[in-house]
PDB file of N, CA and C in Angstrom:
ATOM      1  N   MET A   1      -3.268   7.751 -21.081  1.00  0.00           N
ATOM      2  CA  MET A   1      -3.224   7.797 -19.641  1.00  0.00           C
ATOM      3  C   MET A   1      -4.610   7.504 -19.079  1.00  0.00           C
ATOM      4  N   ALA A   2      -4.656   6.632 -18.095  1.00  0.00           N
ATOM      5  CA  ALA A   2      -5.936   6.235 -17.509  1.00  0.00           C
ATOM      6  C   ALA A   2      -6.457   7.334 -16.583  1.00  0.00           C
ATOM      7  N   LYS A   3      -7.748   7.549 -16.640  1.00  0.00           N
ATOM      8  CA  LYS A   3      -8.371   8.538 -15.766  1.00  0.00           C
ATOM      9  C   LYS A   3      -8.831   7.858 -14.487  1.00  0.00           C
ATOM     10  N   LEU A   4      -8.558   8.485 -13.359  1.00  0.00           N
ATOM     11  CA  LEU A   4      -8.999   7.970 -12.078  1.00  0.00           C
ATOM     12  C   LEU A   4     -10.254   8.706 -11.655  1.00  0.00           C
ATOM     13  N   LYS A   5     -11.272   7.963 -11.271  1.00  0.00           N
ATOM     14  CA  LYS A   5     -12.492   8.577 -10.768  1.00  0.00           C
ATOM     15  C   LYS A   5     -12.406   8.643  -9.253  1.00  0.00           C
ATOM     16  N   MET A   6     -12.685   9.816  -8.702  1.00  0.00           N
ATOM     17  CA  MET A   6     -12.638  10.014  -7.267  1.00  0.00           C
ATOM     18  C   MET A   6     -14.062  10.093  -6.720  1.00  0.00           C
ATOM     19  N   TYR A   7     -14.237   9.605  -5.501  1.00  0.00           N
ATOM     20  CA  TYR A   7     -15.545   9.575  -4.865  1.00  0.00           C
ATOM     21  C   TYR A   7     -15.476  10.261  -3.507  1.00  0.00           C
ATOM     22  N   SER A   8     -16.598  10.799  -3.064  1.00  0.00           N
ATOM     23  CA  SER A   8     -16.694  11.413  -1.742  1.00  0.00           C
ATOM     24  C   SER A   8     -17.292  10.402  -0.761  1.00  0.00           C
ATOM     25  N   ASN A   9     -17.334  10.763   0.508  1.00  0.00           N
ATOM     26  CA  ASN A   9     -17.953   9.886   1.510  1.00  0.00           C
ATOM     27  C   ASN A   9     -19.413   9.619   1.176  1.00  0.00           C
ATOM     28  N   ASN A  10     -20.117  10.636   0.709  1.00  0.00           N
ATOM     29  CA  ASN A  10     -21.531  10.466   0.364  1.00  0.00           C
ATOM     30  C   ASN A  10     -21.705   9.494  -0.798  1.00  0.00           C
ATOM     31  N   ASP A  11     -20.820   9.569  -1.787  1.00  0.00           N
ATOM     32  CA  ASP A  11     -20.892   8.653  -2.924  1.00  0.00           C
ATOM     33  C   ASP A  11     -20.680   7.204  -2.482  1.00  0.00           C
ATOM     34  N   VAL A  12     -19.704   7.006  -1.605  1.00  0.00           N
ATOM     35  CA  VAL A  12     -19.400   5.647  -1.128  1.00  0.00           C
ATOM     36  C   VAL A  12     -20.559   5.108  -0.302  1.00  0.00           C
ATOM     37  N   ALA A  13     -21.133   5.943   0.564  1.00  0.00           N
ATOM     38  CA  ALA A  13     -22.263   5.512   1.385  1.00  0.00           C
ATOM     39  C   ALA A  13     -23.456   5.123   0.512  1.00  0.00           C
ATOM     40  N   GLU A  14     -23.695   5.885  -0.528  1.00  0.00           N
ATOM     41  CA  GLU A  14     -24.804   5.576  -1.439  1.00  0.00           C
ATOM     42  C   GLU A  14     -24.542   4.290  -2.215  1.00  0.00           C
ATOM     43  N   THR A  15     -23.306   4.113  -2.669  1.00  0.00           N
ATOM     44  CA  THR A  15     -22.940   2.916  -3.431  1.00  0.00           C
ATOM     45  C   THR A  15     -23.038   1.654  -2.578  1.00  0.00           C
ATOM     46  N   CYS A  16     -22.568   1.732  -1.341  1.00  0.00           N
ATOM     47  CA  CYS A  16     -22.518   0.564  -0.456  1.00  0.00           C
ATOM     48  C   CYS A  16     -23.767   0.415   0.400  1.00  0.00           C
ATOM     49  N   GLU A  17     -24.715   1.316   0.261  1.00  0.00           N
ATOM     50  CA  GLU A  17     -25.979   1.286   0.994  1.00  0.00           C
ATOM     51  C   GLU A  17     -25.756   1.220   2.498  1.00  0.00           C
ATOM     52  N   CYS A  18     -24.953   2.147   3.014  1.00  0.00           N
ATOM     53  CA  CYS A  18     -24.731   2.246   4.449  1.00  0.00           C
ATOM     54  C   CYS A  18     -24.727   3.731   4.819  1.00  0.00           C
ATOM     55  N   SER A  19     -24.562   4.021   6.086  1.00  0.00           N
ATOM     56  CA  SER A  19     -24.613   5.419   6.523  1.00  0.00           C
ATOM     57  C   SER A  19     -23.292   6.131   6.248  1.00  0.00           C
ATOM     58  N   VAL A  20     -23.365   7.435   6.129  1.00  0.00           N
ATOM     59  CA  VAL A  20     -22.174   8.255   5.909  1.00  0.00           C
ATOM     60  C   VAL A  20     -21.251   8.159   7.126  1.00  0.00           C
ATOM     61  N   GLU A  21     -21.827   8.027   8.319  1.00  0.00           N
ATOM     62  CA  GLU A  21     -21.034   7.916   9.539  1.00  0.00           C
ATOM     63  C   GLU A  21     -20.154   6.667   9.517  1.00  0.00           C
ATOM     64  N   THR A  22     -20.681   5.562   9.003  1.00  0.00           N
ATOM     65  CA  THR A  22     -19.910   4.324   8.903  1.00  0.00           C
ATOM     66  C   THR A  22     -18.734   4.512   7.954  1.00  0.00           C
ATOM     67  N   VAL A  23     -18.977   5.171   6.846  1.00  0.00           N
ATOM     68  CA  VAL A  23     -17.920   5.427   5.860  1.00  0.00           C
ATOM     69  C   VAL A  23     -16.851   6.342   6.457  1.00  0.00           C
ATOM     70  N   GLN A  24     -17.271   7.378   7.183  1.00  0.00           N
ATOM     71  CA  GLN A  24     -16.321   8.305   7.789  1.00  0.00           C
ATOM     72  C   GLN A  24     -15.470   7.619   8.853  1.00  0.00           C
ATOM     73  N   LYS A  25     -16.082   6.787   9.681  1.00  0.00           N
ATOM     74  CA  LYS A  25     -15.327   6.078  10.715  1.00  0.00           C
ATOM     75  C   LYS A  25     -14.297   5.141  10.088  1.00  0.00           C
ATOM     76  N   TYR A  26     -14.662   4.483   8.996  1.00  0.00           N
ATOM     77  CA  TYR A  26     -13.723   3.607   8.298  1.00  0.00           C
ATOM     78  C   TYR A  26     -12.564   4.426   7.729  1.00  0.00           C
ATOM     79  N   ALA A  27     -12.868   5.560   7.130  1.00  0.00           N
ATOM     80  CA  ALA A  27     -11.849   6.387   6.489  1.00  0.00           C
ATOM     81  C   ALA A  27     -10.893   7.009   7.508  1.00  0.00           C
ATOM     82  N   GLN A  28     -11.355   7.275   8.711  1.00  0.00           N
ATOM     83  CA  GLN A  28     -10.531   7.925   9.724  1.00  0.00           C
ATOM     84  C   GLN A  28      -9.438   7.017  10.276  1.00  0.00           C
ATOM     85  N   LYS A  29      -9.600   5.716  10.160  1.00  0.00           N
ATOM     86  CA  LYS A  29      -8.596   4.799  10.703  1.00  0.00           C
ATOM     87  C   LYS A  29      -7.383   4.771   9.780  1.00  0.00           C
ATOM     88  N   PRO A  30      -6.192   5.037  10.323  1.00  0.00           N
ATOM     89  CA  PRO A  30      -4.978   5.092   9.484  1.00  0.00           C
ATOM     90  C   PRO A  30      -4.663   3.785   8.771  1.00  0.00           C
ATOM     91  N   GLU A  31      -5.019   2.637   9.377  1.00  0.00           N
ATOM     92  CA  GLU A  31      -4.693   1.353   8.747  1.00  0.00           C
ATOM     93  C   GLU A  31      -5.483   1.100   7.460  1.00  0.00           C
ATOM     94  N   ASN A  32      -6.554   1.854   7.227  1.00  0.00           N
ATOM     95  CA  ASN A  32      -7.340   1.673   6.008  1.00  0.00           C
ATOM     96  C   ASN A  32      -6.779   2.468   4.831  1.00  0.00           C
ATOM     97  N   GLU A  33      -5.870   3.400   5.103  1.00  0.00           N
ATOM     98  CA  GLU A  33      -5.128   4.137   4.082  1.00  0.00           C
ATOM     99  C   GLU A  33      -6.007   4.817   3.028  1.00  0.00           C
ATOM    100  N   ILE A  34      -6.994   5.591   3.477  1.00  0.00           N
ATOM    101  CA  ILE A  34      -7.826   6.378   2.570  1.00  0.00           C
ATOM    102  C   ILE A  34      -7.165   7.741   2.409  1.00  0.00           C
ATOM    103  N   ASN A  35      -6.970   8.192   1.182  1.00  0.00           N
ATOM    104  CA  ASN A  35      -6.333   9.483   0.917  1.00  0.00           C
ATOM    105  C   ASN A  35      -7.235  10.624   1.381  1.00  0.00           C
ATOM    106  N   PHE A  36      -6.611  11.713   1.813  1.00  0.00           N
ATOM    107  CA  PHE A  36      -7.387  12.865   2.270  1.00  0.00           C
ATOM    108  C   PHE A  36      -6.649  14.159   1.969  1.00  0.00           C
ATOM    109  N   LEU A  37      -7.412  15.244   1.998  1.00  0.00           N
ATOM    110  CA  LEU A  37      -6.878  16.596   1.897  1.00  0.00           C
ATOM    111  C   LEU A  37      -7.256  17.324   3.170  1.00  0.00           C
ATOM    112  N   GLY A  38      -6.387  18.195   3.650  1.00  0.00           N
ATOM    113  CA  GLY A  38      -6.678  18.974   4.841  1.00  0.00           C
ATOM    114  C   GLY A  38      -6.047  18.376   6.081  1.00  0.00           C
ATOM    115  N   THR A  39      -6.257  19.069   7.198  1.00  0.00           N
ATOM    116  CA  THR A  39      -5.707  18.623   8.466  1.00  0.00           C
ATOM    117  C   THR A  39      -6.764  18.689   9.551  1.00  0.00           C
ATOM    118  N   GLY A  40      -6.501  17.981  10.652  1.00  0.00           N
ATOM    119  CA  GLY A  40      -7.406  18.015  11.798  1.00  0.00           C
ATOM    120  C   GLY A  40      -8.793  17.516  11.448  1.00  0.00           C
ATOM    121  N   LYS A  41      -9.797  18.265  11.909  1.00  0.00           N
ATOM    122  CA  LYS A  41     -11.183  17.870  11.662  1.00  0.00           C
ATOM    123  C   LYS A  41     -11.695  18.327  10.308  1.00  0.00           C
ATOM    124  N   ARG A  42     -10.874  19.059   9.563  1.00  0.00           N
ATOM    125  CA  ARG A  42     -11.299  19.583   8.260  1.00  0.00           C
ATOM    126  C   ARG A  42     -10.765  18.738   7.112  1.00  0.00           C
ATOM    127  N   LYS A  43     -10.766  17.438   7.285  1.00  0.00           N
ATOM    128  CA  LYS A  43     -10.267  16.544   6.241  1.00  0.00           C
ATOM    129  C   LYS A  43     -11.377  16.227   5.253  1.00  0.00           C
ATOM    130  N   ILE A  44     -10.993  16.122   3.999  1.00  0.00           N
ATOM    131  CA  ILE A  44     -11.885  15.653   2.948  1.00  0.00           C
ATOM    132  C   ILE A  44     -11.282  14.349   2.451  1.00  0.00           C
ATOM    133  N   TYR A  45     -12.011  13.257   2.609  1.00  0.00           N
ATOM    134  CA  TYR A  45     -11.503  11.956   2.189  1.00  0.00           C
ATOM    135  C   TYR A  45     -11.785  11.733   0.719  1.00  0.00           C
ATOM    136  N   ILE A  46     -10.790  11.237   0.015  1.00  0.00           N
ATOM    137  CA  ILE A  46     -10.892  10.986  -1.422  1.00  0.00           C
ATOM    138  C   ILE A  46     -10.819   9.480  -1.637  1.00  0.00           C
ATOM    139  N   TRP A  47     -11.881   8.921  -2.162  1.00  0.00           N
ATOM    140  CA  TRP A  47     -11.989   7.480  -2.372  1.00  0.00           C
ATOM    141  C   TRP A  47     -11.759   7.144  -3.839  1.00  0.00           C
ATOM    142  N   PHE A  48     -11.087   6.025  -4.076  1.00  0.00           N
ATOM    143  CA  PHE A  48     -10.906   5.483  -5.416  1.00  0.00           C
ATOM    144  C   PHE A  48     -11.574   4.113  -5.471  1.00  0.00           C
ATOM    145  N   GLU A  49     -11.645   3.526  -6.658  1.00  0.00           N
ATOM    146  CA  GLU A  49     -12.310   2.233  -6.844  1.00  0.00           C
ATOM    147  C   GLU A  49     -11.755   1.156  -5.908  1.00  0.00           C
ATOM    148  N   GLU A  50     -10.414   1.073  -5.795  1.00  0.00           N
ATOM    149  CA  GLU A  50      -9.829   0.027  -4.954  1.00  0.00           C
ATOM    150  C   GLU A  50     -10.151   0.250  -3.473  1.00  0.00           C
ATOM    151  N   ASP A  51     -10.300   1.500  -3.054  1.00  0.00           N
ATOM    152  CA  ASP A  51     -10.694   1.789  -1.669  1.00  0.00           C
ATOM    153  C   ASP A  51     -12.125   1.307  -1.409  1.00  0.00           C
ATOM    154  N   ILE A  52     -12.992   1.530  -2.374  1.00  0.00           N
ATOM    155  CA  ILE A  52     -14.393   1.108  -2.231  1.00  0.00           C
ATOM    156  C   ILE A  52     -14.475  -0.409  -2.180  1.00  0.00           C
ATOM    157  N   GLU A  53     -13.681  -1.102  -2.996  1.00  0.00           N
ATOM    158  CA  GLU A  53     -13.682  -2.571  -2.976  1.00  0.00           C
ATOM    159  C   GLU A  53     -13.208  -3.097  -1.625  1.00  0.00           C
ATOM    160  N   ARG A  54     -12.172  -2.460  -1.050  1.00  0.00           N
ATOM    161  CA  ARG A  54     -11.700  -2.863   0.288  1.00  0.00           C
ATOM    162  C   ARG A  54     -12.779  -2.617   1.334  1.00  0.00           C
ATOM    163  N   PHE A  55     -13.500  -1.507   1.203  1.00  0.00           N
ATOM    164  CA  PHE A  55     -14.570  -1.192   2.150  1.00  0.00           C
ATOM    165  C   PHE A  55     -15.688  -2.227   2.056  1.00  0.00           C
ATOM    166  N   LYS A  56     -16.047  -2.609   0.858  1.00  0.00           N
ATOM    167  CA  LYS A  56     -17.115  -3.599   0.670  1.00  0.00           C
ATOM    168  C   LYS A  56     -16.721  -4.973   1.199  1.00  0.00           C
ATOM    169  N   SER A  57     -15.431  -5.310   1.126  1.00  0.00           N
ATOM    170  CA  SER A  57     -14.999  -6.649   1.526  1.00  0.00           C
ATOM    171  C   SER A  57     -14.596  -6.735   3.001  1.00  0.00           C
ATOM    172  N   ARG A  58     -14.818  -5.672   3.774  1.00  0.00           N
ATOM    173  CA  ARG A  58     -14.431  -5.697   5.185  1.00  0.00           C
ATOM    174  C   ARG A  58     -15.322  -6.664   5.964  1.00  0.00           C
ATOM    175  N   GLU A  59     -14.788  -7.144   7.079  1.00  0.00           N
ATOM    176  CA  GLU A  59     -15.546  -8.043   7.942  1.00  0.00           C
ATOM    177  C   GLU A  59     -16.440  -7.197   8.843  1.00  0.00           C
ATOM    178  N   VAL A  60     -17.721  -7.468   8.808  1.00  0.00           N
ATOM    179  CA  VAL A  60     -18.674  -6.683   9.574  1.00  0.00           C
ATOM    180  C   VAL A  60     -19.277  -7.575  10.651  1.00  0.00           C
ATOM    181  N   VAL A  61     -19.144  -7.150  11.894  1.00  0.00           N
ATOM    182  CA  VAL A  61     -19.760  -7.865  13.000  1.00  0.00           C
ATOM    183  C   VAL A  61     -21.063  -7.156  13.317  1.00  0.00           C
ATOM    184  N   MET A  62     -22.156  -7.850  13.104  1.00  0.00           N
ATOM    185  CA  MET A  62     -23.462  -7.238  13.303  1.00  0.00           C
ATOM    186  C   MET A  62     -23.966  -7.512  14.714  1.00  0.00           C
ATOM    187  N   GLY A  63     -24.616  -6.540  15.284  1.00  0.00           N
ATOM    188  CA  GLY A  63     -25.267  -6.723  16.573  1.00  0.00           C
ATOM    189  C   GLY A  63     -24.332  -6.614  17.756  1.00  0.00           C
ATOM    190  N   ARG A  64     -24.884  -6.888  18.872  1.00  0.00           N
ATOM    191  CA  ARG A  64     -24.187  -6.769  20.131  1.00  0.00           C
ATOM    192  C   ARG A  64     -23.593  -8.122  20.526  1.00  0.00           C
ATOM    193  N   PRO A  65     -22.400  -8.158  21.098  1.00  0.00           N
ATOM    194  CA  PRO A  65     -21.846  -9.444  21.509  1.00  0.00           C
ATOM    195  C   PRO A  65     -22.635 -10.032  22.681  1.00  0.00           C
ATOM    196  N   LYS A  66     -22.702 -11.357  22.735  1.00  0.00           N
ATOM    197  CA  LYS A  66     -23.436 -12.018  23.815  1.00  0.00           C
ATOM    198  C   LYS A  66     -22.664 -11.893  25.121  1.00  0.00           C
ATOM    199  N   LYS A  67     -23.412 -11.820  26.200  1.00  0.00           N
ATOM    200  CA  LYS A  67     -22.797 -11.768  27.517  1.00  0.00           C
ATOM    201  C   LYS A  67     -22.254 -13.154  27.866  1.00  0.00           C
ATOM    202  N   PRO A  68     -21.117 -13.218  28.568  1.00  0.00           N
ATOM    203  CA  PRO A  68     -20.626 -14.528  28.980  1.00  0.00           C
ATOM    204  C   PRO A  68     -21.578 -15.157  29.995  1.00  0.00           C
ATOM    205  N   ALA A  69     -21.669 -16.472  29.959  1.00  0.00           N
ATOM    206  CA  ALA A  69     -22.583 -17.189  30.865  1.00  0.00           C
ATOM    207  C   ALA A  69     -22.116 -17.015  32.310  1.00  0.00           C
ATOM    208  N   GLN A  70     -23.039 -16.671  33.170  1.00  0.00           N
ATOM    209  CA  GLN A  70     -22.760 -16.507  34.597  1.00  0.00           C
ATOM    210  C   GLN A  70     -23.177 -17.780  35.331  1.00  0.00           C
ATOM    211  N   PRO A  71     -22.309 -18.338  36.173  1.00  0.00           N
ATOM    212  CA  PRO A  71     -22.738 -19.513  36.934  1.00  0.00           C
ATOM    213  C   PRO A  71     -23.818 -19.121  37.950  1.00  0.00           C
ATOM    214  N   LEU A  72     -24.739 -20.024  38.176  1.00  0.00           N
ATOM    215  CA  LEU A  72     -25.825 -19.757  39.111  1.00  0.00           C
ATOM    216  C   LEU A  72     -25.309 -19.848  40.541  1.00  0.00           C
ATOM    217  N   SER A  73     -25.659 -18.897  41.389  1.00  0.00           N
ATOM    218  CA  SER A  73     -25.262 -18.920  42.797  1.00  0.00           C
ATOM    219  C   SER A  73     -26.349 -19.623  43.612  1.00  0.00           C
ATOM    220  N   PRO A  74     -25.944 -20.474  44.548  1.00  0.00           N
ATOM    221  CA  PRO A  74     -26.984 -21.139  45.371  1.00  0.00           C
ATOM    222  C   PRO A  74     -27.563 -20.238  46.425  1.00  0.00           C
TER     223      PRO A  74
END
């Protein structure tokens, strides 16, 4: 039987070289399907290898979006 290694938010943040807050925000979204224990604000997220790979391959938009061009008023 294969052993599954589980990771915490801190482990994932260290592995992916990003902040723990970024990892937590990703895990909180239901569409990302990260397993958890607990309810409400007392959730503990449990990460597996395939979850970490999905996190690493996500599309990241860096920086602030540009403002739309405003026409000049005479």
